[in-house]
Protein backbone atom coordinates (compact mmCIF):
# COMPACT_ATOMS: atom_id res chain seq x y z
CA MET A 1 84.02 97.19 137.07
CA SER A 2 83.57 99.54 140.09
CA PRO A 3 80.28 101.44 139.82
CA ASN A 4 80.89 105.17 139.40
CA PRO A 5 79.29 107.84 137.22
CA LEU A 6 82.08 107.78 134.62
CA ALA A 7 81.91 104.00 134.35
CA GLU A 8 78.14 104.12 133.96
CA THR A 9 78.48 106.66 131.17
CA VAL A 10 81.05 104.53 129.36
CA ALA A 11 78.71 101.53 129.63
CA SER A 12 75.85 103.56 128.16
CA LEU A 13 78.03 104.51 125.18
CA MET A 14 78.81 100.92 124.20
CA PRO A 15 75.86 100.39 121.80
CA ARG A 16 77.01 103.44 119.84
CA ALA A 17 80.57 102.15 119.96
CA ARG A 18 79.46 98.87 118.39
CA THR A 19 77.59 100.68 115.63
CA GLU A 20 80.57 102.87 114.82
CA LEU A 21 83.01 99.98 114.90
CA ALA A 22 80.76 98.09 112.48
CA GLU A 23 80.81 101.09 110.12
CA LEU A 24 84.60 101.29 110.30
CA VAL A 25 85.17 97.56 109.85
CA ALA A 26 83.05 97.67 106.69
CA PHE A 27 85.75 99.72 104.93
CA ARG A 28 88.25 97.42 103.20
CA SER A 29 90.98 99.87 104.11
CA VAL A 30 94.06 97.83 103.25
CA ALA A 31 96.78 100.27 102.17
CA ASP A 32 98.05 97.91 99.48
CA PHE A 33 96.49 99.69 96.54
CA ALA A 34 97.68 97.08 94.07
CA GLN A 35 95.18 94.65 95.62
CA PHE A 36 92.57 96.84 97.36
CA PRO A 37 90.88 99.99 96.04
CA ARG A 38 92.33 103.26 97.27
CA SER A 39 88.75 104.51 97.53
CA GLU A 40 88.12 102.20 100.51
CA SER A 41 90.91 103.82 102.51
CA GLU A 42 89.84 107.28 101.45
CA ALA A 43 86.27 106.54 102.56
CA ALA A 44 87.52 105.37 105.95
CA ALA A 45 89.54 108.57 106.33
CA ASP A 46 86.47 110.63 105.43
CA TRP A 47 84.47 108.77 108.11
CA ILE A 48 87.09 109.69 110.71
CA VAL A 49 87.09 113.33 109.60
CA GLY A 50 83.34 113.43 110.14
CA ALA A 51 83.57 111.74 113.53
CA LEU A 52 86.20 114.18 114.82
CA ARG A 53 84.29 117.23 113.58
CA ALA A 54 81.14 115.92 115.25
CA GLU A 55 83.06 115.79 118.55
CA GLY A 56 84.11 119.43 118.24
CA PHE A 57 87.64 118.92 117.01
CA GLN A 58 89.29 121.83 115.25
CA ASP A 59 91.82 121.90 112.41
CA VAL A 60 90.56 118.50 111.24
CA ALA A 61 92.40 117.48 108.09
CA THR A 62 93.47 114.57 105.97
CA LEU A 63 97.24 114.60 105.66
CA ASP A 64 98.71 113.42 102.37
CA THR A 65 101.79 111.54 103.57
CA PRO A 66 104.89 110.85 101.45
CA ASP A 67 104.00 107.19 100.90
CA GLY A 68 100.83 108.13 99.02
CA THR A 69 98.38 107.41 101.85
CA GLN A 70 96.31 109.64 104.11
CA SER A 71 96.33 110.12 107.87
CA VAL A 72 93.69 112.10 109.76
CA TYR A 73 94.47 114.83 112.31
CA GLY A 74 92.33 116.86 114.69
CA TYR A 75 92.76 119.16 117.71
CA LEU A 76 90.37 119.51 120.65
CA PRO A 77 91.26 122.46 122.90
CA GLY A 78 91.08 122.00 126.65
CA PRO A 79 91.30 124.35 129.63
CA GLU A 80 93.96 127.05 129.60
CA GLY A 81 97.24 125.80 131.00
CA ALA A 82 96.30 122.13 130.68
CA PRO A 83 98.78 119.63 129.25
CA THR A 84 98.46 118.30 125.72
CA VAL A 85 97.86 114.61 125.07
CA LEU A 86 98.23 113.00 121.64
CA LEU A 87 95.97 110.00 121.01
CA TYR A 88 97.04 107.62 118.22
CA ALA A 89 95.32 104.85 116.29
CA HIS A 90 95.42 103.57 112.70
CA TYR A 91 92.57 102.80 110.35
CA ASP A 92 94.43 100.74 107.77
CA VAL A 93 94.23 96.97 108.29
CA GLN A 94 95.91 93.77 107.26
CA PRO A 95 94.47 91.91 104.25
CA PRO A 96 91.88 89.30 105.24
CA LEU A 97 94.11 86.53 103.83
CA ASP A 98 92.03 83.43 103.07
CA GLU A 99 88.46 84.68 103.39
CA ALA A 100 87.25 81.05 103.41
CA ALA A 101 89.06 80.62 106.74
CA TRP A 102 86.83 83.21 108.37
CA ASP A 103 83.72 81.99 110.18
CA SER A 104 81.97 85.25 109.24
CA PRO A 105 82.71 87.88 106.57
CA PRO A 106 85.95 89.69 107.48
CA PHE A 107 84.58 93.15 106.75
CA GLU A 108 81.27 92.67 108.53
CA LEU A 109 81.33 93.08 112.32
CA THR A 110 79.73 89.92 113.69
CA GLU A 111 78.97 89.08 117.32
CA ARG A 112 79.74 85.52 118.33
CA GLU A 113 80.25 83.97 121.77
CA GLY A 114 80.67 87.33 123.45
CA ARG A 115 83.21 88.80 121.00
CA TRP A 116 82.93 91.06 117.96
CA TYR A 117 84.63 89.62 114.86
CA GLY A 118 85.96 91.55 111.88
CA ARG A 119 89.20 92.72 110.33
CA GLY A 120 90.47 95.75 112.24
CA SER A 121 88.10 95.24 115.17
CA ALA A 122 91.09 95.10 117.53
CA ASP A 123 93.92 96.27 115.27
CA CYS A 124 93.28 99.13 115.26
CA LYS A 125 89.88 100.56 114.38
CA GLY A 126 88.78 99.51 117.85
CA GLY A 127 91.56 101.73 119.20
CA LEU A 128 90.00 104.77 117.53
CA VAL A 129 86.58 103.90 118.95
CA MET A 130 88.21 103.56 122.39
CA HIS A 131 89.51 107.13 122.11
CA LEU A 132 86.10 108.43 121.03
CA VAL A 133 84.25 106.71 123.89
CA ALA A 134 86.71 108.03 126.48
CA LEU A 135 86.36 111.60 125.24
CA ARG A 136 82.56 111.39 125.09
CA ALA A 137 82.42 110.09 128.66
CA LEU A 138 84.57 112.96 129.91
CA LYS A 139 82.46 115.51 128.03
CA ALA A 140 79.41 114.14 129.85
CA HIS A 141 81.13 114.80 133.19
CA GLY A 142 82.45 118.33 133.03
CA GLY A 143 84.50 118.27 129.87
CA VAL A 144 87.82 116.96 128.60
CA PRO A 145 90.45 118.27 131.07
CA VAL A 146 93.41 118.34 128.66
CA HIS A 147 94.18 119.59 125.19
CA VAL A 148 93.79 116.62 122.84
CA LYS A 149 95.43 115.94 119.51
CA VAL A 150 94.28 112.88 117.57
CA ILE A 151 96.24 111.27 114.75
CA VAL A 152 94.85 108.26 112.89
CA GLU A 153 97.36 106.68 110.52
CA GLY A 154 96.53 105.23 107.13
CA SER A 155 99.51 102.97 106.41
CA GLU A 156 100.82 101.51 109.68
CA GLU A 157 100.40 97.92 108.54
CA GLN A 158 102.41 98.52 105.37
CA GLY A 159 105.45 99.83 107.22
CA THR A 160 106.08 102.39 104.47
CA GLY A 161 106.85 105.23 106.88
CA GLY A 162 104.54 107.87 105.44
CA LEU A 163 103.38 109.35 108.73
CA GLU A 164 106.88 109.19 110.22
CA ARG A 165 108.25 111.27 107.35
CA TYR A 166 105.32 113.68 107.56
CA ALA A 167 105.87 114.17 111.30
CA GLU A 168 109.56 114.86 110.70
CA GLN A 169 108.65 117.47 108.06
CA HIS A 170 106.03 119.10 110.37
CA PRO A 171 107.55 118.65 113.83
CA GLU A 172 105.11 120.95 115.68
CA LEU A 173 101.99 119.17 114.49
CA LEU A 174 102.11 116.18 116.87
CA ARG A 175 104.03 117.78 119.73
CA ALA A 176 102.49 116.80 123.07
CA ASP A 177 103.33 116.34 126.73
CA THR A 178 102.09 112.75 126.69
CA ILE A 179 101.29 110.35 123.87
CA VAL A 180 98.83 107.45 124.22
CA ILE A 181 99.27 104.86 121.47
CA GLY A 182 96.05 102.84 121.22
CA ASP A 183 97.63 100.04 119.19
CA ALA A 184 98.92 97.60 121.81
CA GLY A 185 96.97 95.34 124.16
CA ASN A 186 96.61 93.58 127.48
CA PHE A 187 98.82 90.59 128.15
CA ARG A 188 95.62 88.65 128.73
CA VAL A 189 91.91 89.53 128.82
CA GLY A 190 91.20 91.21 132.14
CA LEU A 191 94.86 91.89 133.01
CA PRO A 192 95.57 95.61 132.51
CA THR A 193 98.86 96.03 130.71
CA VAL A 194 101.03 98.82 129.38
CA THR A 195 103.47 97.87 126.66
CA THR A 196 106.87 99.36 127.46
CA THR A 197 109.01 98.05 124.58
CA LEU A 198 108.49 97.36 120.91
CA ARG A 199 110.75 95.54 118.53
CA GLY A 200 111.73 97.45 115.44
CA MET A 201 111.39 96.00 111.97
CA THR A 202 113.06 95.88 108.61
CA MET A 203 111.61 94.22 105.53
CA VAL A 204 113.59 93.23 102.44
CA ARG A 205 112.82 91.59 99.13
CA VAL A 206 115.53 89.16 98.04
CA GLU A 207 115.66 87.90 94.45
CA MET A 208 117.83 85.12 93.02
CA GLU A 209 118.61 84.73 89.31
CA THR A 210 120.70 81.94 87.79
CA LEU A 211 119.55 81.27 84.22
CA GLU A 212 118.23 83.18 81.24
CA GLY A 213 115.07 81.11 81.47
CA ASN A 214 113.61 77.95 83.01
CA LEU A 215 115.03 74.62 81.83
CA HIS A 216 113.70 71.07 81.60
CA SER A 217 114.65 69.38 84.89
CA GLY A 218 115.31 66.05 83.19
CA GLN A 219 117.57 67.44 80.51
CA PHE A 220 119.46 69.99 82.62
CA GLY A 221 118.74 69.18 86.27
CA GLY A 222 121.80 68.22 88.32
CA ALA A 223 124.16 70.71 86.71
CA ALA A 224 122.05 73.78 85.95
CA PRO A 225 121.96 76.12 88.99
CA ASP A 226 118.44 76.27 90.43
CA ALA A 227 117.46 79.77 91.61
CA LEU A 228 114.74 78.43 93.90
CA ALA A 229 117.16 76.01 95.54
CA ALA A 230 119.64 78.85 96.03
CA LEU A 231 116.95 80.96 97.65
CA ILE A 232 115.89 78.10 99.96
CA ARG A 233 119.49 77.61 101.06
CA VAL A 234 119.93 81.30 101.82
CA LEU A 235 116.68 81.49 103.77
CA ASP A 236 117.64 78.43 105.80
CA SER A 237 120.89 80.16 106.81
CA LEU A 238 118.83 82.70 108.76
CA ARG A 239 118.02 80.13 111.46
CA ALA A 240 120.06 77.94 113.79
CA GLU A 241 119.18 74.30 114.36
CA ASP A 242 116.84 75.21 117.24
CA GLY A 243 115.09 77.84 115.14
CA SER A 244 116.84 80.86 116.66
CA THR A 245 117.42 83.75 114.29
CA THR A 246 121.01 83.93 113.05
CA VAL A 247 121.99 87.01 111.10
CA ASP A 248 125.75 87.45 110.86
CA GLY A 249 126.85 90.22 113.21
CA LEU A 250 123.47 90.62 114.95
CA SER A 251 123.33 89.73 118.66
CA GLY A 252 120.64 87.26 119.68
CA ASP A 253 121.15 86.88 123.44
CA GLY A 254 118.90 89.61 124.90
CA VAL A 255 117.08 88.94 128.19
CA TRP A 256 113.63 90.16 129.29
CA ASP A 257 113.42 90.85 133.04
CA GLY A 258 109.76 91.89 133.31
CA LEU A 259 106.47 89.97 133.09
CA GLN A 260 107.13 86.40 131.95
CA TYR A 261 105.17 84.34 129.43
CA ASP A 262 104.48 80.76 130.48
CA PRO A 263 105.45 78.40 127.62
CA GLU A 264 102.22 76.40 127.86
CA ALA A 265 100.15 79.58 127.83
CA PHE A 266 102.10 80.74 124.79
CA ARG A 267 101.46 77.43 123.03
CA ALA A 268 97.74 77.87 123.65
CA ASP A 269 97.72 81.54 122.57
CA ALA A 270 99.69 80.73 119.42
CA HIS A 271 97.60 77.62 118.66
CA VAL A 272 100.73 75.48 118.28
CA LEU A 273 99.86 71.98 117.08
CA ASP A 274 100.33 69.06 119.46
CA GLY A 275 103.83 67.62 119.25
CA VAL A 276 105.30 70.67 117.50
CA GLU A 277 108.11 72.34 119.46
CA LEU A 278 108.56 76.03 120.15
CA ILE A 279 111.63 77.45 118.45
CA GLY A 280 114.57 79.37 119.88
CA SER A 281 116.26 79.41 123.27
CA GLY A 282 115.85 81.35 126.51
CA THR A 283 112.47 82.23 128.01
CA VAL A 284 109.50 82.88 125.77
CA ALA A 285 109.63 86.54 126.81
CA ASP A 286 113.30 86.67 125.79
CA ARG A 287 112.46 85.28 122.38
CA ILE A 288 109.51 87.51 121.49
CA TRP A 289 110.39 90.79 123.25
CA ALA A 290 114.18 90.97 123.67
CA ARG A 291 115.70 89.15 120.68
CA PRO A 292 115.64 89.46 116.89
CA ALA A 293 113.25 87.29 114.90
CA VAL A 294 113.29 86.61 111.18
CA THR A 295 110.19 85.55 109.27
CA VAL A 296 109.84 84.61 105.60
CA LEU A 297 106.60 86.39 104.69
CA GLY A 298 106.24 85.05 101.17
CA ILE A 299 107.98 83.31 98.30
CA ASP A 300 107.39 83.77 94.58
CA CYS A 301 107.77 80.38 92.87
CA PRO A 302 105.54 78.05 90.87
CA PRO A 303 102.51 76.75 92.80
CA VAL A 304 102.33 73.00 93.35
CA VAL A 305 99.23 72.62 91.22
CA GLY A 306 100.31 72.78 87.59
CA ALA A 307 104.03 73.11 88.33
CA PRO A 308 106.12 72.14 85.28
CA PRO A 309 109.21 69.86 85.57
CA SER A 310 111.60 72.80 85.36
CA VAL A 311 114.77 74.12 86.90
CA GLN A 312 113.81 77.62 88.03
CA SER A 313 115.74 80.56 86.63
CA ARG A 314 114.41 83.12 89.12
CA ALA A 315 112.86 83.15 92.59
CA ARG A 316 112.28 85.78 95.24
CA ALA A 317 111.11 86.13 98.83
CA LEU A 318 109.93 88.81 101.23
CA VAL A 319 111.76 88.64 104.54
CA SER A 320 110.91 90.44 107.79
CA LEU A 321 113.41 90.95 110.61
CA ARG A 322 112.20 92.16 114.01
CA VAL A 323 114.89 93.79 116.17
CA PRO A 324 114.74 94.56 119.91
CA PRO A 325 115.34 97.92 121.61
CA GLY A 326 119.00 98.80 121.55
CA VAL A 327 119.42 97.70 117.94
CA ASP A 328 119.29 100.30 115.18
CA ALA A 329 116.94 99.12 112.43
CA ALA A 330 119.06 100.69 109.70
CA GLU A 331 122.14 98.84 110.95
CA ALA A 332 120.11 95.62 111.14
CA THR A 333 119.12 96.14 107.50
CA LYS A 334 122.77 96.39 106.50
CA LEU A 335 123.61 93.21 108.43
CA LEU A 336 120.67 91.31 106.93
CA THR A 337 121.57 92.45 103.41
CA ALA A 338 125.20 91.46 103.90
CA HIS A 339 124.18 88.07 105.29
CA LEU A 340 121.85 87.28 102.39
CA THR A 341 124.47 88.38 99.87
CA SER A 342 127.40 86.53 101.42
CA ARG A 343 125.43 83.30 101.92
CA THR A 344 124.19 83.12 98.33
CA PRO A 345 125.57 79.89 96.78
CA TRP A 346 126.93 79.03 93.33
CA GLY A 347 127.63 82.60 92.29
CA ALA A 348 123.91 83.22 91.78
CA ARG A 349 122.98 86.81 91.10
CA VAL A 350 121.25 88.23 94.15
CA ARG A 351 119.43 91.51 94.67
CA VAL A 352 118.27 92.69 98.09
CA GLU A 353 115.86 95.63 98.24
CA GLN A 354 114.48 97.15 101.43
CA THR A 355 110.70 97.64 101.42
CA GLY A 356 110.01 98.87 104.96
CA GLU A 357 111.67 99.88 108.23
CA GLY A 358 110.75 100.97 111.75
CA GLN A 359 112.89 101.65 114.81
CA PRO A 360 112.42 99.80 118.12
CA PHE A 361 111.08 101.62 121.19
CA ARG A 362 111.55 101.60 124.96
CA ALA A 363 109.39 103.75 127.27
CA ASP A 364 110.37 105.62 130.45
CA THR A 365 108.15 103.95 133.05
CA THR A 366 109.15 106.33 135.87
CA SER A 367 107.17 109.27 134.48
CA PRO A 368 104.05 110.88 136.07
CA ALA A 369 101.92 109.63 133.19
CA TYR A 370 102.65 106.03 134.18
CA THR A 371 101.58 106.78 137.75
CA ALA A 372 98.30 108.22 136.44
CA MET A 373 97.78 105.23 134.16
CA ALA A 374 98.42 102.78 137.01
CA GLY A 375 95.69 104.42 139.08
CA ALA A 376 93.28 104.48 136.15
CA MET A 377 93.81 100.79 135.41
CA SER A 378 93.35 99.74 139.02
CA THR A 379 89.97 101.50 139.04
CA ALA A 380 88.81 100.15 135.68
CA TYR A 381 90.05 96.65 136.55
CA PRO A 382 89.14 96.14 140.23
CA GLY A 383 91.58 93.92 142.07
CA GLU A 384 94.26 94.12 139.36
CA ARG A 385 97.50 96.08 139.12
CA MET A 386 98.97 97.51 135.94
CA GLN A 387 101.49 95.15 134.36
CA TYR A 388 104.46 95.98 132.14
CA ALA A 389 104.99 93.84 129.05
CA GLY A 390 106.92 93.96 125.81
CA GLN A 391 105.51 93.48 122.35
CA GLY A 392 107.25 91.69 119.53
CA GLY A 393 105.53 93.75 116.86
CA SER A 394 106.52 97.17 115.60
CA ILE A 395 104.83 100.57 115.63
CA PRO A 396 107.42 102.58 113.68
CA LEU A 397 105.85 105.92 114.62
CA CYS A 398 106.80 105.39 118.29
CA GLY A 399 110.50 105.68 117.57
CA THR A 400 109.92 108.77 115.44
CA LEU A 401 107.83 110.47 118.13
CA ALA A 402 110.37 109.60 120.82
CA ALA A 403 113.12 111.19 118.73
CA LEU A 404 111.09 114.29 117.85
CA TYR A 405 109.77 114.86 121.38
CA PRO A 406 112.27 113.40 123.85
CA ALA A 407 110.49 115.00 126.81
CA ALA A 408 107.12 113.45 125.94
CA GLU A 409 105.82 110.50 127.92
CA ILE A 410 104.66 107.63 125.69
CA LEU A 411 102.22 104.93 126.82
CA LEU A 412 100.96 102.00 124.76
CA ILE A 413 97.60 100.43 125.53
CA GLY A 414 94.95 98.81 123.36
CA LEU A 415 92.73 95.92 122.42
CA SER A 416 95.10 93.39 120.83
CA GLU A 417 95.19 90.71 123.55
CA PRO A 418 95.97 87.09 122.49
CA GLU A 419 92.36 86.07 121.87
CA ALA A 420 92.02 88.91 119.36
CA ARG A 421 94.14 87.00 116.81
CA ILE A 422 95.18 90.15 115.00
CA HIS A 423 96.67 89.69 111.50
CA ALA A 424 94.99 86.25 111.31
CA ALA A 425 91.63 84.96 110.18
CA ASN A 426 88.78 85.57 112.65
CA GLU A 427 90.26 88.67 114.25
CA SER A 428 88.02 89.86 117.06
CA VAL A 429 87.72 92.29 119.95
CA SER A 430 86.31 91.78 123.43
CA PRO A 431 83.58 94.38 124.04
CA GLN A 432 84.32 94.11 127.75
CA GLU A 433 87.92 95.09 127.10
CA LEU A 434 86.79 97.96 124.88
CA GLU A 435 84.57 99.20 127.70
CA ARG A 436 87.21 98.84 130.42
CA LEU A 437 89.97 100.43 128.36
CA SER A 438 87.74 103.32 127.31
CA LEU A 439 87.08 103.92 131.02
CA THR A 440 90.81 103.54 131.71
CA GLU A 441 91.65 106.22 129.17
CA ALA A 442 89.01 108.60 130.52
CA LEU A 443 90.24 108.10 134.09
CA PHE A 444 93.83 108.53 132.94
CA LEU A 445 93.17 111.84 131.18
CA ARG A 446 91.40 113.15 134.28
CA ALA A 447 94.18 112.01 136.63
CA TYR A 448 96.96 113.22 134.33
CA ALA A 449 95.37 116.68 134.09
CA GLY A 450 95.33 116.81 137.89
CA SER A 451 98.96 115.82 138.18
């Protein structure tokens, strides 16, 4: 990192950043209140309220969003005539999954081999800390040169759309000239990257029913229609022989013409087992950034241990479909529902219910904000140039903000590089990346104000 006063200040703020990230990670703020206490999310929101007020933010408030969760908002006024920048992060996190698979407690920030481990450390509590460090560094060197709005979402991981609906109902609240989404990441540690596209997402619950109740598989098996077998057959119809996603009526031939992803590097990043093939066709970048991808997230059926010898009368699954820019998520939902319904065998009764949706996103990379970000990244990452990449995941709010504020420039940066293993056991963040990206954001805000 090039020595300069702003960089030195950011470096001096890192011990505080670690302390604050540890406090945030300790909140079990999973917005699935059937499994995790609502009080944990509320406590995390209260922590953020306190942090913003301590930094001089005005109008700080918890927003009760239509999905029953809370987001946190604050406004920091800048010089008269300065542009307004909205900084985004989310404090809700994915469940820890199998806590036994973690090498350290998931909700206890733990340093190991140069990284900080804990659920939400990269996705996306670290993104909030990044914003705070950048603003503190600027305040130490003459002040924050722009008006700043901060919004920290409480249900991004659930895909329930609470903040999107709230923003639509209060369109002036988040209006800004430029929006920095702190929920993406570098293509690789040390390679500064702005994410320019996001796949959208729809999630549906599909349930099969064939019998009034389970039946003995010896007495009735072979003629009685098995709901679990029907469900398996339907789910299998969502993939071609090579593993490509096949939803009737949905195009799957998109091409990515930006930064490419070497297949061997992808295998290493994804921890693919030796001898197991990658699925799909086209380049890796085509598959994960420019084409749809279906994933079966869960199936309700008897567990292997203790399973009775029965023909199942009912079974259900949760299915996610990621869709690339250019595809309307609502239309994709209709196609997925029609596919699941039409492919159901044996006249089984099928119900398909949507549980979440988010639109895809594509940024305008020709804007002045991207020029300012390129300069900031080249300073914070000496010898490197800003790269453009896609991201296969979804941030539904991006599409909403782009629709509400078509003139706003939207940039996606963050801490979720491949080694972070977000959404998996042993999620972690690189403190070096946190430091460099905090400096990047501070340099960007200064350069953008000057532009």
